[in-house]
ModelCIF file with pLDDT and N, C-alpha, C, O atoms, coordinates in Angstrom:
data_MODEL
#
_entry.id   MODEL 
#
_entity.id                         1 
_entity.type                       polymer 
_entity.pdbx_number_of_molecules   1 
#
_entity_poly.entity_id                      1 
_entity_poly.type                           'polypeptide(L)' 
_entity_poly.nstd_linkage                   no 
_entity_poly.nstd_monomer                   no 
_entity_poly.pdbx_seq_one_letter_code       HGADLDKYDHHDFPGVVPRTFIGSLFISGCSFPFVQFAKFIG 
_entity_poly.pdbx_seq_one_letter_code_can   HGADLDKYDHHDFPGVVPRTFIGSLFISGCSFPFVQFAKFIG 
_entity_poly.pdbx_strand_id                 A 
#
loop_
_entity_poly_seq.entity_id 
_entity_poly_seq.num 
_entity_poly_seq.mon_id 
_entity_poly_seq.hetero 
1 1  HIS n 
1 2  GLY n 
1 3  ALA n 
1 4  ASP n 
1 5  LEU n 
1 6  ASP n 
1 7  LYS n 
1 8  TYR n 
1 9  ASP n 
1 10 HIS n 
1 11 HIS n 
1 12 ASP n 
1 13 PHE n 
1 14 PRO n 
1 15 GLY n 
1 16 VAL n 
1 17 VAL n 
1 18 PRO n 
1 19 ARG n 
1 20 THR n 
1 21 PHE n 
1 22 ILE n 
1 23 GLY n 
1 24 SER n 
1 25 LEU n 
1 26 PHE n 
1 27 ILE n 
1 28 SER n 
1 29 GLY n 
1 30 CYS n 
1 31 SER n 
1 32 PHE n 
1 33 PRO n 
1 34 PHE n 
1 35 VAL n 
1 36 GLN n 
1 37 PHE n 
1 38 ALA n 
1 39 LYS n 
1 40 PHE n 
1 41 ILE n 
1 42 GLY n 
#
_struct_asym.id          A 
_struct_asym.entity_id   1 
#
loop_
_ma_qa_metric.id 
_ma_qa_metric.mode 
_ma_qa_metric.name 
_ma_qa_metric.software_group_id 
_ma_qa_metric.type 
1 global pLDDT . pLDDT 
2 local  pLDDT . pLDDT 
#
_ma_qa_metric_global.metric_id      1 
_ma_qa_metric_global.metric_value   93.02 
_ma_qa_metric_global.model_id       1 
_ma_qa_metric_global.ordinal_id     1 
#
loop_
_ma_qa_metric_local.label_asym_id 
_ma_qa_metric_local.label_comp_id 
_ma_qa_metric_local.label_seq_id 
_ma_qa_metric_local.metric_id 
_ma_qa_metric_local.metric_value 
_ma_qa_metric_local.model_id 
_ma_qa_metric_local.ordinal_id 
A HIS 1  2 94.00 1 1  
A GLY 2  2 93.00 1 2  
A ALA 3  2 91.00 1 3  
A ASP 4  2 92.00 1 4  
A LEU 5  2 92.00 1 5  
A ASP 6  2 91.00 1 6  
A LYS 7  2 91.00 1 7  
A TYR 8  2 93.00 1 8  
A ASP 9  2 91.00 1 9  
A HIS 10 2 90.00 1 10 
A HIS 11 2 86.00 1 11 
A ASP 12 2 84.00 1 12 
A PHE 13 2 85.00 1 13 
A PRO 14 2 85.00 1 14 
A GLY 15 2 82.00 1 15 
A VAL 16 2 84.00 1 16 
A VAL 17 2 89.00 1 17 
A PRO 18 2 93.00 1 18 
A ARG 19 2 94.00 1 19 
A THR 20 2 96.00 1 20 
A PHE 21 2 97.00 1 21 
A ILE 22 2 97.00 1 22 
A GLY 23 2 97.00 1 23 
A SER 24 2 97.00 1 24 
A LEU 25 2 97.00 1 25 
A PHE 26 2 97.00 1 26 
A ILE 27 2 97.00 1 27 
A SER 28 2 97.00 1 28 
A GLY 29 2 97.00 1 29 
A CYS 30 2 97.00 1 30 
A SER 31 2 97.00 1 31 
A PHE 32 2 96.00 1 32 
A PRO 33 2 96.00 1 33 
A PHE 34 2 96.00 1 34 
A VAL 35 2 96.00 1 35 
A GLN 36 2 95.00 1 36 
A PHE 37 2 96.00 1 37 
A ALA 38 2 95.00 1 38 
A LYS 39 2 93.00 1 39 
A PHE 40 2 94.00 1 40 
A ILE 41 2 95.00 1 41 
A GLY 42 2 92.00 1 42 
#
loop_
_atom_site.group_PDB 
_atom_site.id 
_atom_site.type_symbol 
_atom_site.label_atom_id 
_atom_site.label_alt_id 
_atom_site.label_comp_id 
_atom_site.label_asym_id 
_atom_site.label_entity_id 
_atom_site.label_seq_id 
_atom_site.pdbx_PDB_ins_code 
_atom_site.Cartn_x 
_atom_site.Cartn_y 
_atom_site.Cartn_z 
_atom_site.occupancy 
_atom_site.B_iso_or_equiv 
_atom_site.pdbx_formal_charge 
_atom_site.auth_seq_id 
_atom_site.auth_comp_id 
_atom_site.auth_asym_id 
_atom_site.auth_atom_id 
_atom_site.pdbx_PDB_model_num 
ATOM 1   N N  . HIS A 1 1  ? -2.799  -3.439  4.802   1.00 94.00 ? 1  HIS A N  1 
ATOM 2   C CA . HIS A 1 1  ? -3.718  -4.545  4.513   1.00 94.00 ? 1  HIS A CA 1 
ATOM 3   C C  . HIS A 1 1  ? -3.025  -5.751  3.902   1.00 94.00 ? 1  HIS A C  1 
ATOM 4   O O  . HIS A 1 1  ? -3.612  -6.830  3.825   1.00 94.00 ? 1  HIS A O  1 
ATOM 5   N N  . GLY A 1 2  ? -1.786  -5.581  3.467   1.00 93.00 ? 2  GLY A N  1 
ATOM 6   C CA . GLY A 1 2  ? -1.030  -6.712  2.946   1.00 93.00 ? 2  GLY A CA 1 
ATOM 7   C C  . GLY A 1 2  ? -1.708  -7.373  1.761   1.00 93.00 ? 2  GLY A C  1 
ATOM 8   O O  . GLY A 1 2  ? -2.025  -6.714  0.771   1.00 93.00 ? 2  GLY A O  1 
ATOM 9   N N  . ALA A 1 3  ? -1.932  -8.684  1.863   1.00 91.00 ? 3  ALA A N  1 
ATOM 10  C CA . ALA A 1 3  ? -2.494  -9.469  0.762   1.00 91.00 ? 3  ALA A CA 1 
ATOM 11  C C  . ALA A 1 3  ? -4.020  -9.462  0.741   1.00 91.00 ? 3  ALA A C  1 
ATOM 12  O O  . ALA A 1 3  ? -4.622  -10.090 -0.129  1.00 91.00 ? 3  ALA A O  1 
ATOM 13  N N  . ASP A 1 4  ? -4.652  -8.770  1.675   1.00 92.00 ? 4  ASP A N  1 
ATOM 14  C CA . ASP A 1 4  ? -6.114  -8.717  1.722   1.00 92.00 ? 4  ASP A CA 1 
ATOM 15  C C  . ASP A 1 4  ? -6.610  -7.685  0.701   1.00 92.00 ? 4  ASP A C  1 
ATOM 16  O O  . ASP A 1 4  ? -6.919  -6.549  1.060   1.00 92.00 ? 4  ASP A O  1 
ATOM 17  N N  . LEU A 1 5  ? -6.682  -8.084  -0.555  1.00 92.00 ? 5  LEU A N  1 
ATOM 18  C CA . LEU A 1 5  ? -7.000  -7.160  -1.644  1.00 92.00 ? 5  LEU A CA 1 
ATOM 19  C C  . LEU A 1 5  ? -8.412  -6.593  -1.555  1.00 92.00 ? 5  LEU A C  1 
ATOM 20  O O  . LEU A 1 5  ? -8.677  -5.525  -2.107  1.00 92.00 ? 5  LEU A O  1 
ATOM 21  N N  . ASP A 1 6  ? -9.319  -7.282  -0.875  1.00 91.00 ? 6  ASP A N  1 
ATOM 22  C CA . ASP A 1 6  ? -10.698 -6.804  -0.783  1.00 91.00 ? 6  ASP A CA 1 
ATOM 23  C C  . ASP A 1 6  ? -10.795 -5.472  -0.045  1.00 91.00 ? 6  ASP A C  1 
ATOM 24  O O  . ASP A 1 6  ? -11.772 -4.742  -0.215  1.00 91.00 ? 6  ASP A O  1 
ATOM 25  N N  . LYS A 1 7  ? -9.798  -5.152  0.766   1.00 91.00 ? 7  LYS A N  1 
ATOM 26  C CA . LYS A 1 7  ? -9.815  -3.906  1.525   1.00 91.00 ? 7  LYS A CA 1 
ATOM 27  C C  . LYS A 1 7  ? -9.125  -2.757  0.791   1.00 91.00 ? 7  LYS A C  1 
ATOM 28  O O  . LYS A 1 7  ? -9.054  -1.642  1.309   1.00 91.00 ? 7  LYS A O  1 
ATOM 29  N N  . TYR A 1 8  ? -8.622  -3.024  -0.401  1.00 93.00 ? 8  TYR A N  1 
ATOM 30  C CA . TYR A 1 8  ? -7.864  -2.004  -1.123  1.00 93.00 ? 8  TYR A CA 1 
ATOM 31  C C  . TYR A 1 8  ? -8.787  -0.933  -1.706  1.00 93.00 ? 8  TYR A C  1 
ATOM 32  O O  . TYR A 1 8  ? -9.915  -1.218  -2.109  1.00 93.00 ? 8  TYR A O  1 
ATOM 33  N N  . ASP A 1 9  ? -8.292  0.287   -1.743  1.00 91.00 ? 9  ASP A N  1 
ATOM 34  C CA . ASP A 1 9  ? -9.067  1.444   -2.174  1.00 91.00 ? 9  ASP A CA 1 
ATOM 35  C C  . ASP A 1 9  ? -9.409  1.414   -3.658  1.00 91.00 ? 9  ASP A C  1 
ATOM 36  O O  . ASP A 1 9  ? -10.457 1.921   -4.057  1.00 91.00 ? 9  ASP A O  1 
ATOM 37  N N  . HIS A 1 10 ? -8.545  0.830   -4.478  1.00 90.00 ? 10 HIS A N  1 
ATOM 38  C CA . HIS A 1 10 ? -8.747  0.929   -5.924  1.00 90.00 ? 10 HIS A CA 1 
ATOM 39  C C  . HIS A 1 10 ? -9.961  0.163   -6.423  1.00 90.00 ? 10 HIS A C  1 
ATOM 40  O O  . HIS A 1 10 ? -10.393 0.375   -7.556  1.00 90.00 ? 10 HIS A O  1 
ATOM 41  N N  . HIS A 1 11 ? -10.526 -0.730  -5.599  1.00 86.00 ? 11 HIS A N  1 
ATOM 42  C CA . HIS A 1 11 ? -11.744 -1.424  -6.013  1.00 86.00 ? 11 HIS A CA 1 
ATOM 43  C C  . HIS A 1 11 ? -12.945 -0.477  -5.988  1.00 86.00 ? 11 HIS A C  1 
ATOM 44  O O  . HIS A 1 11 ? -13.848 -0.585  -6.817  1.00 86.00 ? 11 HIS A O  1 
ATOM 45  N N  . ASP A 1 12 ? -12.944 0.452   -5.027  1.00 84.00 ? 12 ASP A N  1 
ATOM 46  C CA . ASP A 1 12 ? -14.034 1.424   -4.935  1.00 84.00 ? 12 ASP A CA 1 
ATOM 47  C C  . ASP A 1 12 ? -13.775 2.664   -5.790  1.00 84.00 ? 12 ASP A C  1 
ATOM 48  O O  . ASP A 1 12 ? -14.707 3.262   -6.328  1.00 84.00 ? 12 ASP A O  1 
ATOM 49  N N  . PHE A 1 13 ? -12.497 3.046   -5.911  1.00 85.00 ? 13 PHE A N  1 
ATOM 50  C CA . PHE A 1 13 ? -12.129 4.239   -6.674  1.00 85.00 ? 13 PHE A CA 1 
ATOM 51  C C  . PHE A 1 13 ? -11.002 3.880   -7.638  1.00 85.00 ? 13 PHE A C  1 
ATOM 52  O O  . PHE A 1 13 ? -9.841  4.201   -7.385  1.00 85.00 ? 13 PHE A O  1 
ATOM 53  N N  . PRO A 1 14 ? -11.345 3.206   -8.757  1.00 85.00 ? 14 PRO A N  1 
ATOM 54  C CA . PRO A 1 14 ? -10.314 2.708   -9.678  1.00 85.00 ? 14 PRO A CA 1 
ATOM 55  C C  . PRO A 1 14 ? -9.656  3.772   -10.533 1.00 85.00 ? 14 PRO A C  1 
ATOM 56  O O  . PRO A 1 14 ? -8.593  3.527   -11.105 1.00 85.00 ? 14 PRO A O  1 
ATOM 57  N N  . GLY A 1 15 ? -10.263 4.953   -10.635 1.00 82.00 ? 15 GLY A N  1 
ATOM 58  C CA . GLY A 1 15 ? -9.722  5.986   -11.506 1.00 82.00 ? 15 GLY A CA 1 
ATOM 59  C C  . GLY A 1 15 ? -10.166 5.784   -12.942 1.00 82.00 ? 15 GLY A C  1 
ATOM 60  O O  . GLY A 1 15 ? -10.848 4.809   -13.259 1.00 82.00 ? 15 GLY A O  1 
ATOM 61  N N  . VAL A 1 16 ? -9.780  6.704   -13.804 1.00 84.00 ? 16 VAL A N  1 
ATOM 62  C CA . VAL A 1 16 ? -10.194 6.654   -15.212 1.00 84.00 ? 16 VAL A CA 1 
ATOM 63  C C  . VAL A 1 16 ? -9.516  5.498   -15.929 1.00 84.00 ? 16 VAL A C  1 
ATOM 64  O O  . VAL A 1 16 ? -10.146 4.796   -16.721 1.00 84.00 ? 16 VAL A O  1 
ATOM 65  N N  . VAL A 1 17 ? -8.231  5.299   -15.653 1.00 89.00 ? 17 VAL A N  1 
ATOM 66  C CA . VAL A 1 17 ? -7.469  4.202   -16.239 1.00 89.00 ? 17 VAL A CA 1 
ATOM 67  C C  . VAL A 1 17 ? -6.690  3.503   -15.119 1.00 89.00 ? 17 VAL A C  1 
ATOM 68  O O  . VAL A 1 17 ? -6.319  4.145   -14.136 1.00 89.00 ? 17 VAL A O  1 
ATOM 69  N N  . PRO A 1 18 ? -6.442  2.216   -15.253 1.00 93.00 ? 18 PRO A N  1 
ATOM 70  C CA . PRO A 1 18 ? -5.676  1.511   -14.219 1.00 93.00 ? 18 PRO A CA 1 
ATOM 71  C C  . PRO A 1 18 ? -4.221  1.944   -14.208 1.00 93.00 ? 18 PRO A C  1 
ATOM 72  O O  . PRO A 1 18 ? -3.645  2.254   -15.251 1.00 93.00 ? 18 PRO A O  1 
ATOM 73  N N  . ARG A 1 19 ? -3.638  1.961   -13.030 1.00 94.00 ? 19 ARG A N  1 
ATOM 74  C CA . ARG A 1 19 ? -2.234  2.315   -12.872 1.00 94.00 ? 19 ARG A CA 1 
ATOM 75  C C  . ARG A 1 19 ? -1.473  1.129   -12.298 1.00 94.00 ? 19 ARG A C  1 
ATOM 76  O O  . ARG A 1 19 ? -2.055  0.252   -11.661 1.00 94.00 ? 19 ARG A O  1 
ATOM 77  N N  . THR A 1 20 ? -0.179  1.115   -12.529 1.00 96.00 ? 20 THR A N  1 
ATOM 78  C CA . THR A 1 20 ? 0.643   0.024   -12.021 1.00 96.00 ? 20 THR A CA 1 
ATOM 79  C C  . THR A 1 20 ? 0.843   0.122   -10.512 1.00 96.00 ? 20 THR A C  1 
ATOM 80  O O  . THR A 1 20 ? 0.897   1.215   -9.949  1.00 96.00 ? 20 THR A O  1 
ATOM 81  N N  . PHE A 1 21 ? 0.949   -1.022  -9.875  1.00 97.00 ? 21 PHE A N  1 
ATOM 82  C CA . PHE A 1 21 ? 1.229   -1.094  -8.444  1.00 97.00 ? 21 PHE A CA 1 
ATOM 83  C C  . PHE A 1 21 ? 2.721   -1.240  -8.159  1.00 97.00 ? 21 PHE A C  1 
ATOM 84  O O  . PHE A 1 21 ? 3.124   -1.232  -6.997  1.00 97.00 ? 21 PHE A O  1 
ATOM 85  N N  . ILE A 1 22 ? 3.537   -1.371  -9.184  1.00 97.00 ? 22 ILE A N  1 
ATOM 86  C CA . ILE A 1 22 ? 4.944   -1.711  -8.966  1.00 97.00 ? 22 ILE A CA 1 
ATOM 87  C C  . ILE A 1 22 ? 5.677   -0.618  -8.208  1.00 97.00 ? 22 ILE A C  1 
ATOM 88  O O  . ILE A 1 22 ? 6.454   -0.918  -7.301  1.00 97.00 ? 22 ILE A O  1 
ATOM 89  N N  . GLY A 1 23 ? 5.452   0.636   -8.555  1.00 97.00 ? 23 GLY A N  1 
ATOM 90  C CA . GLY A 1 23 ? 6.102   1.722   -7.826  1.00 97.00 ? 23 GLY A CA 1 
ATOM 91  C C  . GLY A 1 23 ? 5.670   1.755   -6.377  1.00 97.00 ? 23 GLY A C  1 
ATOM 92  O O  . GLY A 1 23 ? 6.498   1.901   -5.478  1.00 97.00 ? 23 GLY A O  1 
ATOM 93  N N  . SER A 1 24 ? 4.372   1.618   -6.146  1.00 97.00 ? 24 SER A N  1 
ATOM 94  C CA . SER A 1 24 ? 3.845   1.611   -4.775  1.00 97.00 ? 24 SER A CA 1 
ATOM 95  C C  . SER A 1 24 ? 4.379   0.420   -3.989  1.00 97.00 ? 24 SER A C  1 
ATOM 96  O O  . SER A 1 24 ? 4.686   0.533   -2.803  1.00 97.00 ? 24 SER A O  1 
ATOM 97  N N  . LEU A 1 25 ? 4.487   -0.717  -4.658  1.00 97.00 ? 25 LEU A N  1 
ATOM 98  C CA . LEU A 1 25 ? 5.004   -1.917  -4.002  1.00 97.00 ? 25 LEU A CA 1 
ATOM 99  C C  . LEU A 1 25 ? 6.453   -1.725  -3.570  1.00 97.00 ? 25 LEU A C  1 
ATOM 100 O O  . LEU A 1 25 ? 6.839   -2.129  -2.473  1.00 97.00 ? 25 LEU A O  1 
ATOM 101 N N  . PHE A 1 26 ? 7.249   -1.109  -4.434  1.00 97.00 ? 26 PHE A N  1 
ATOM 102 C CA . PHE A 1 26 ? 8.665   -0.885  -4.122  1.00 97.00 ? 26 PHE A CA 1 
ATOM 103 C C  . PHE A 1 26 ? 8.823   0.116   -2.982  1.00 97.00 ? 26 PHE A C  1 
ATOM 104 O O  . PHE A 1 26 ? 9.618   -0.107  -2.069  1.00 97.00 ? 26 PHE A O  1 
ATOM 105 N N  . ILE A 1 27 ? 8.078   1.211   -3.027  1.00 97.00 ? 27 ILE A N  1 
ATOM 106 C CA . ILE A 1 27 ? 8.155   2.208   -1.963  1.00 97.00 ? 27 ILE A CA 1 
ATOM 107 C C  . ILE A 1 27 ? 7.668   1.617   -0.646  1.00 97.00 ? 27 ILE A C  1 
ATOM 108 O O  . ILE A 1 27 ? 8.235   1.901   0.409   1.00 97.00 ? 27 ILE A O  1 
ATOM 109 N N  . SER A 1 28 ? 6.630   0.804   -0.699  1.00 97.00 ? 28 SER A N  1 
ATOM 110 C CA . SER A 1 28 ? 6.123   0.157   0.521   1.00 97.00 ? 28 SER A CA 1 
ATOM 111 C C  . SER A 1 28 ? 7.168   -0.758  1.130   1.00 97.00 ? 28 SER A C  1 
ATOM 112 O O  . SER A 1 28 ? 7.354   -0.784  2.347   1.00 97.00 ? 28 SER A O  1 
ATOM 113 N N  . GLY A 1 29 ? 7.855   -1.517  0.267   1.00 97.00 ? 29 GLY A N  1 
ATOM 114 C CA . GLY A 1 29 ? 8.896   -2.405  0.774   1.00 97.00 ? 29 GLY A CA 1 
ATOM 115 C C  . GLY A 1 29 ? 10.023  -1.648  1.442   1.00 97.00 ? 29 GLY A C  1 
ATOM 116 O O  . GLY A 1 29 ? 10.522  -2.064  2.487   1.00 97.00 ? 29 GLY A O  1 
ATOM 117 N N  . CYS A 1 30 ? 10.431  -0.528  0.837   1.00 97.00 ? 30 CYS A N  1 
ATOM 118 C CA . CYS A 1 30 ? 11.498  0.286   1.428   1.00 97.00 ? 30 CYS A CA 1 
ATOM 119 C C  . CYS A 1 30 ? 11.033  0.985   2.702   1.00 97.00 ? 30 CYS A C  1 
ATOM 120 O O  . CYS A 1 30 ? 11.830  1.222   3.610   1.00 97.00 ? 30 CYS A O  1 
ATOM 121 N N  . SER A 1 31 ? 9.743   1.315   2.770   1.00 97.00 ? 31 SER A N  1 
ATOM 122 C CA . SER A 1 31 ? 9.209   2.052   3.922   1.00 97.00 ? 31 SER A CA 1 
ATOM 123 C C  . SER A 1 31 ? 8.825   1.139   5.082   1.00 97.00 ? 31 SER A C  1 
ATOM 124 O O  . SER A 1 31 ? 8.681   1.604   6.213   1.00 97.00 ? 31 SER A O  1 
ATOM 125 N N  . PHE A 1 32 ? 8.658   -0.153  4.814   1.00 96.00 ? 32 PHE A N  1 
ATOM 126 C CA . PHE A 1 32 ? 8.093   -1.073  5.803   1.00 96.00 ? 32 PHE A CA 1 
ATOM 127 C C  . PHE A 1 32 ? 8.774   -1.016  7.169   1.00 96.00 ? 32 PHE A C  1 
ATOM 128 O O  . PHE A 1 32 ? 8.077   -0.880  8.175   1.00 96.00 ? 32 PHE A O  1 
ATOM 129 N N  . PRO A 1 33 ? 10.104  -1.114  7.254   1.00 96.00 ? 33 PRO A N  1 
ATOM 130 C CA . PRO A 1 33 ? 10.724  -1.085  8.595   1.00 96.00 ? 33 PRO A CA 1 
ATOM 131 C C  . PRO A 1 33 ? 10.492  0.224   9.332   1.00 96.00 ? 33 PRO A C  1 
ATOM 132 O O  . PRO A 1 33 ? 10.330  0.226   10.552  1.00 96.00 ? 33 PRO A O  1 
ATOM 133 N N  . PHE A 1 34 ? 10.473  1.338   8.608   1.00 96.00 ? 34 PHE A N  1 
ATOM 134 C CA . PHE A 1 34 ? 10.244  2.640   9.248   1.00 96.00 ? 34 PHE A CA 1 
ATOM 135 C C  . PHE A 1 34 ? 8.805   2.762   9.737   1.00 96.00 ? 34 PHE A C  1 
ATOM 136 O O  . PHE A 1 34 ? 8.552   3.307   10.811  1.00 96.00 ? 34 PHE A O  1 
ATOM 137 N N  . VAL A 1 35 ? 7.872   2.257   8.951   1.00 96.00 ? 35 VAL A N  1 
ATOM 138 C CA . VAL A 1 35 ? 6.463   2.309   9.343   1.00 96.00 ? 35 VAL A CA 1 
ATOM 139 C C  . VAL A 1 35 ? 6.210   1.402   10.533  1.00 96.00 ? 35 VAL A C  1 
ATOM 140 O O  . VAL A 1 35 ? 5.456   1.758   11.439  1.00 96.00 ? 35 VAL A O  1 
ATOM 141 N N  . GLN A 1 36 ? 6.836   0.227   10.538  1.00 95.00 ? 36 GLN A N  1 
ATOM 142 C CA . GLN A 1 36 ? 6.666   -0.683  11.675  1.00 95.00 ? 36 GLN A CA 1 
ATOM 143 C C  . GLN A 1 36 ? 7.191   -0.050  12.959  1.00 95.00 ? 36 GLN A C  1 
ATOM 144 O O  . GLN A 1 36 ? 6.570   -0.174  14.015  1.00 95.00 ? 36 GLN A O  1 
ATOM 145 N N  . PHE A 1 37 ? 8.320   0.619   12.871  1.00 96.00 ? 37 PHE A N  1 
ATOM 146 C CA . PHE A 1 37 ? 8.877   1.295   14.042  1.00 96.00 ? 37 PHE A CA 1 
ATOM 147 C C  . PHE A 1 37 ? 7.971   2.437   14.486  1.00 96.00 ? 37 PHE A C  1 
ATOM 148 O O  . PHE A 1 37 ? 7.777   2.661   15.680  1.00 96.00 ? 37 PHE A O  1 
ATOM 149 N N  . ALA A 1 38 ? 7.415   3.160   13.505  1.00 95.00 ? 38 ALA A N  1 
ATOM 150 C CA . ALA A 1 38 ? 6.505   4.263   13.824  1.00 95.00 ? 38 ALA A CA 1 
ATOM 151 C C  . ALA A 1 38 ? 5.276   3.752   14.570  1.00 95.00 ? 38 ALA A C  1 
ATOM 152 O O  . ALA A 1 38 ? 4.831   4.369   15.538  1.00 95.00 ? 38 ALA A O  1 
ATOM 153 N N  . LYS A 1 39 ? 4.732   2.631   14.121  1.00 93.00 ? 39 LYS A N  1 
ATOM 154 C CA . LYS A 1 39 ? 3.567   2.057   14.812  1.00 93.00 ? 39 LYS A CA 1 
ATOM 155 C C  . LYS A 1 39 ? 3.951   1.578   16.206  1.00 93.00 ? 39 LYS A C  1 
ATOM 156 O O  . LYS A 1 39 ? 3.157   1.676   17.142  1.00 93.00 ? 39 LYS A O  1 
ATOM 157 N N  . PHE A 1 40 ? 5.163   1.062   16.343  1.00 94.00 ? 40 PHE A N  1 
ATOM 158 C CA . PHE A 1 40 ? 5.624   0.554   17.639  1.00 94.00 ? 40 PHE A CA 1 
ATOM 159 C C  . PHE A 1 40 ? 5.724   1.659   18.685  1.00 94.00 ? 40 PHE A C  1 
ATOM 160 O O  . PHE A 1 40 ? 5.423   1.436   19.858  1.00 94.00 ? 40 PHE A O  1 
ATOM 161 N N  . ILE A 1 41 ? 6.147   2.855   18.259  1.00 95.00 ? 41 ILE A N  1 
ATOM 162 C CA . ILE A 1 41 ? 6.298   3.957   19.224  1.00 95.00 ? 41 ILE A CA 1 
ATOM 163 C C  . ILE A 1 41 ? 5.040   4.824   19.308  1.00 95.00 ? 41 ILE A C  1 
ATOM 164 O O  . ILE A 1 41 ? 5.033   5.858   19.975  1.00 95.00 ? 41 ILE A O  1 
ATOM 165 N N  . GLY A 1 42 ? 3.973   4.389   18.621  1.00 92.00 ? 42 GLY A N  1 
ATOM 166 C CA . GLY A 1 42 ? 2.692   5.043   18.793  1.00 92.00 ? 42 GLY A CA 1 
ATOM 167 C C  . GLY A 1 42 ? 2.408   6.216   17.871  1.00 92.00 ? 42 GLY A C  1 
ATOM 168 O O  . GLY A 1 42 ? 1.341   6.824   17.956  1.00 92.00 ? 42 GLY A O  1 
#
């Protein structure tokens, strides 16, 4: 969903306490080329 925050899951299910997005952001950045290739090959 990229920058479209309205589609993010945490708005509907925020959890008991808020958590940082920094770890998820870093893993997403490292995973991005592999995920793009995965989508390309179906």
